[in-house]
N, C-alpha and C. Protein backbone atom coordinates (compact mmCIF):
# COMPACT_ATOMS: atom_id res chain seq x y z
N MET A 1 -22.62 -15.84 3.69
CA MET A 1 -21.26 -15.42 3.95
C MET A 1 -21.28 -14.01 4.53
N SER A 2 -20.54 -13.82 5.57
CA SER A 2 -20.46 -12.52 6.23
C SER A 2 -19.13 -11.85 5.87
N LEU A 3 -19.22 -10.60 5.48
CA LEU A 3 -18.01 -9.85 5.13
C LEU A 3 -17.39 -9.27 6.38
N PRO A 4 -16.07 -9.15 6.43
CA PRO A 4 -15.43 -8.45 7.55
C PRO A 4 -15.95 -7.01 7.61
N LYS A 5 -16.06 -6.48 8.81
CA LYS A 5 -16.62 -5.14 8.99
C LYS A 5 -15.91 -4.07 8.16
N PRO A 6 -14.56 -4.02 8.12
CA PRO A 6 -13.91 -2.98 7.30
C PRO A 6 -14.27 -3.10 5.81
N THR A 7 -14.37 -4.33 5.32
CA THR A 7 -14.74 -4.54 3.91
C THR A 7 -16.16 -4.05 3.67
N ALA A 8 -17.08 -4.42 4.55
CA ALA A 8 -18.48 -4.00 4.40
C ALA A 8 -18.60 -2.48 4.44
N GLU A 9 -17.84 -1.84 5.32
CA GLU A 9 -17.89 -0.38 5.41
C GLU A 9 -17.34 0.28 4.15
N ARG A 10 -16.23 -0.24 3.64
CA ARG A 10 -15.66 0.33 2.40
C ARG A 10 -16.63 0.14 1.24
N LEU A 11 -17.21 -1.05 1.12
CA LEU A 11 -18.14 -1.32 0.02
C LEU A 11 -19.38 -0.43 0.11
N SER A 12 -19.87 -0.21 1.32
CA SER A 12 -21.03 0.67 1.50
C SER A 12 -20.69 2.09 1.06
N ARG A 13 -19.54 2.57 1.46
CA ARG A 13 -19.11 3.92 1.05
C ARG A 13 -18.89 3.98 -0.46
N LEU A 14 -18.35 2.90 -1.02
CA LEU A 14 -18.12 2.86 -2.46
C LEU A 14 -19.44 2.89 -3.23
N ALA A 15 -20.43 2.13 -2.78
CA ALA A 15 -21.74 2.14 -3.44
C ALA A 15 -22.34 3.53 -3.41
N HIS A 16 -22.25 4.19 -2.27
CA HIS A 16 -22.79 5.54 -2.15
C HIS A 16 -22.08 6.49 -3.13
N LEU A 17 -20.77 6.38 -3.19
CA LEU A 17 -19.98 7.22 -4.09
C LEU A 17 -20.36 6.96 -5.55
N LEU A 18 -20.50 5.69 -5.92
CA LEU A 18 -20.86 5.34 -7.30
C LEU A 18 -22.25 5.85 -7.67
N GLU A 19 -23.18 5.75 -6.74
CA GLU A 19 -24.54 6.23 -7.01
C GLU A 19 -24.57 7.75 -7.16
N ARG A 20 -23.77 8.45 -6.40
CA ARG A 20 -23.72 9.92 -6.49
C ARG A 20 -23.04 10.38 -7.76
N ARG A 21 -22.05 9.64 -8.23
CA ARG A 21 -21.25 10.08 -9.37
C ARG A 21 -21.69 9.46 -10.67
N ASN A 22 -22.75 8.68 -10.69
CA ASN A 22 -23.20 7.99 -11.89
C ASN A 22 -23.14 8.93 -13.09
N ALA A 23 -22.17 8.68 -13.96
CA ALA A 23 -21.93 9.56 -15.11
C ALA A 23 -22.37 8.89 -16.40
N GLY A 24 -23.60 8.43 -16.43
CA GLY A 24 -24.11 7.85 -17.66
C GLY A 24 -23.54 6.49 -17.99
N GLY A 25 -23.07 5.77 -16.99
CA GLY A 25 -22.61 4.41 -17.22
C GLY A 25 -21.17 4.29 -17.66
N ASP A 26 -20.37 5.36 -17.59
CA ASP A 26 -18.96 5.25 -17.93
C ASP A 26 -18.30 4.24 -16.99
N PHE A 27 -17.46 3.39 -17.54
CA PHE A 27 -16.77 2.41 -16.73
C PHE A 27 -15.71 3.10 -15.88
N VAL A 28 -15.46 2.54 -14.70
CA VAL A 28 -14.42 3.06 -13.81
C VAL A 28 -13.46 1.92 -13.49
N SER A 29 -12.19 2.26 -13.43
CA SER A 29 -11.17 1.26 -13.09
C SER A 29 -10.90 1.29 -11.60
N SER A 30 -10.19 0.30 -11.11
CA SER A 30 -9.81 0.31 -9.70
C SER A 30 -8.86 1.49 -9.42
N ALA A 31 -8.08 1.89 -10.43
CA ALA A 31 -7.21 3.07 -10.26
C ALA A 31 -8.05 4.34 -10.13
N ASP A 32 -9.14 4.43 -10.92
CA ASP A 32 -10.06 5.58 -10.78
C ASP A 32 -10.66 5.60 -9.38
N LEU A 33 -11.07 4.43 -8.91
CA LEU A 33 -11.68 4.35 -7.57
C LEU A 33 -10.66 4.66 -6.49
N GLU A 34 -9.40 4.29 -6.72
CA GLU A 34 -8.34 4.63 -5.76
C GLU A 34 -8.19 6.15 -5.66
N ARG A 35 -8.21 6.82 -6.80
CA ARG A 35 -8.09 8.29 -6.78
C ARG A 35 -9.28 8.93 -6.07
N LEU A 36 -10.47 8.37 -6.25
CA LEU A 36 -11.67 8.93 -5.63
C LEU A 36 -11.75 8.67 -4.13
N THR A 37 -11.25 7.52 -3.70
CA THR A 37 -11.43 7.11 -2.30
C THR A 37 -10.18 7.25 -1.45
N GLY A 38 -9.02 7.14 -2.09
CA GLY A 38 -7.77 7.12 -1.34
C GLY A 38 -7.38 5.72 -0.86
N TRP A 39 -8.21 4.73 -1.15
CA TRP A 39 -7.91 3.34 -0.77
C TRP A 39 -7.05 2.71 -1.86
N PRO A 40 -6.12 1.84 -1.48
CA PRO A 40 -5.30 1.18 -2.51
C PRO A 40 -6.17 0.37 -3.48
N SER A 41 -5.79 0.39 -4.75
CA SER A 41 -6.59 -0.30 -5.76
C SER A 41 -6.66 -1.80 -5.49
N HIS A 42 -5.60 -2.38 -4.94
CA HIS A 42 -5.65 -3.82 -4.65
C HIS A 42 -6.67 -4.13 -3.55
N THR A 43 -6.85 -3.21 -2.62
CA THR A 43 -7.87 -3.39 -1.57
C THR A 43 -9.26 -3.31 -2.19
N ILE A 44 -9.45 -2.37 -3.09
CA ILE A 44 -10.74 -2.21 -3.77
C ILE A 44 -11.07 -3.48 -4.55
N ARG A 45 -10.10 -3.99 -5.32
CA ARG A 45 -10.34 -5.20 -6.11
C ARG A 45 -10.66 -6.40 -5.20
N LYS A 46 -9.93 -6.51 -4.09
CA LYS A 46 -10.17 -7.61 -3.15
C LYS A 46 -11.57 -7.50 -2.55
N ASP A 47 -11.96 -6.28 -2.14
CA ASP A 47 -13.30 -6.08 -1.58
C ASP A 47 -14.38 -6.46 -2.59
N ILE A 48 -14.22 -6.01 -3.82
CA ILE A 48 -15.21 -6.30 -4.85
C ILE A 48 -15.27 -7.80 -5.14
N SER A 49 -14.12 -8.45 -5.15
CA SER A 49 -14.11 -9.89 -5.43
C SER A 49 -14.78 -10.70 -4.32
N SER A 50 -14.95 -10.11 -3.14
CA SER A 50 -15.60 -10.82 -2.03
C SER A 50 -17.12 -10.78 -2.12
N LEU A 51 -17.65 -10.00 -3.06
CA LEU A 51 -19.11 -9.91 -3.22
C LEU A 51 -19.66 -11.21 -3.80
N PRO A 52 -20.81 -11.66 -3.29
CA PRO A 52 -21.42 -12.88 -3.84
C PRO A 52 -21.77 -12.74 -5.32
N ASP A 53 -22.13 -11.55 -5.77
CA ASP A 53 -22.52 -11.31 -7.17
C ASP A 53 -21.40 -10.65 -7.97
N ALA A 54 -20.15 -10.97 -7.65
CA ALA A 54 -19.02 -10.29 -8.28
C ALA A 54 -18.78 -10.71 -9.73
N SER A 55 -19.25 -11.87 -10.13
CA SER A 55 -18.98 -12.31 -11.49
C SER A 55 -19.71 -11.42 -12.50
N GLY A 56 -18.99 -11.03 -13.52
CA GLY A 56 -19.58 -10.22 -14.58
C GLY A 56 -19.60 -8.72 -14.31
N ILE A 57 -19.09 -8.29 -13.16
CA ILE A 57 -19.08 -6.86 -12.86
C ILE A 57 -17.89 -6.18 -13.53
N SER A 58 -16.78 -6.88 -13.58
CA SER A 58 -15.55 -6.32 -14.12
C SER A 58 -15.37 -6.73 -15.58
N THR A 59 -14.84 -5.81 -16.36
CA THR A 59 -14.47 -6.11 -17.74
C THR A 59 -13.06 -5.60 -17.95
N THR A 60 -12.54 -5.77 -19.13
CA THR A 60 -11.20 -5.26 -19.41
C THR A 60 -11.18 -3.73 -19.38
N THR A 61 -12.35 -3.10 -19.49
CA THR A 61 -12.41 -1.64 -19.47
C THR A 61 -12.72 -1.09 -18.07
N GLY A 62 -12.93 -1.97 -17.12
CA GLY A 62 -13.20 -1.52 -15.75
C GLY A 62 -14.52 -2.05 -15.23
N TYR A 63 -15.07 -1.34 -14.27
CA TYR A 63 -16.33 -1.74 -13.64
C TYR A 63 -17.47 -0.86 -14.15
N ASP A 64 -18.61 -1.49 -14.36
CA ASP A 64 -19.82 -0.77 -14.67
C ASP A 64 -20.34 -0.22 -13.34
N PRO A 65 -20.35 1.09 -13.13
CA PRO A 65 -20.71 1.63 -11.82
C PRO A 65 -22.13 1.28 -11.37
N VAL A 66 -23.07 1.20 -12.30
CA VAL A 66 -24.45 0.86 -11.94
C VAL A 66 -24.52 -0.59 -11.46
N ARG A 67 -23.92 -1.48 -12.21
CA ARG A 67 -23.93 -2.90 -11.81
C ARG A 67 -23.14 -3.13 -10.52
N LEU A 68 -22.03 -2.43 -10.37
CA LEU A 68 -21.22 -2.58 -9.16
C LEU A 68 -21.99 -2.10 -7.94
N ALA A 69 -22.59 -0.92 -8.04
CA ALA A 69 -23.39 -0.39 -6.90
C ALA A 69 -24.54 -1.34 -6.58
N GLY A 70 -25.18 -1.90 -7.61
CA GLY A 70 -26.26 -2.84 -7.39
C GLY A 70 -25.80 -4.12 -6.71
N ALA A 71 -24.64 -4.62 -7.11
CA ALA A 71 -24.11 -5.84 -6.49
C ALA A 71 -23.74 -5.59 -5.03
N ILE A 72 -23.26 -4.40 -4.74
CA ILE A 72 -22.92 -4.07 -3.35
C ILE A 72 -24.18 -3.98 -2.52
N ARG A 73 -25.18 -3.32 -3.05
CA ARG A 73 -26.45 -3.13 -2.30
C ARG A 73 -27.15 -4.47 -2.15
């Protein structure tokens, strides 16, 4: 499956951001990611849901940044 170019670019930037900010595995919400990136949280959630390995990345407390960055990469 091929991702649309804008989605792939956002996910690549998101992975880079998550890897740089890795704060000991603290979970991040889509609202946290919206504040960090300026992208709407619904766009972030949609992009993440398009990943082939998206299952198990999200919990009720948010996203595990290490697992999310790994799934993007």
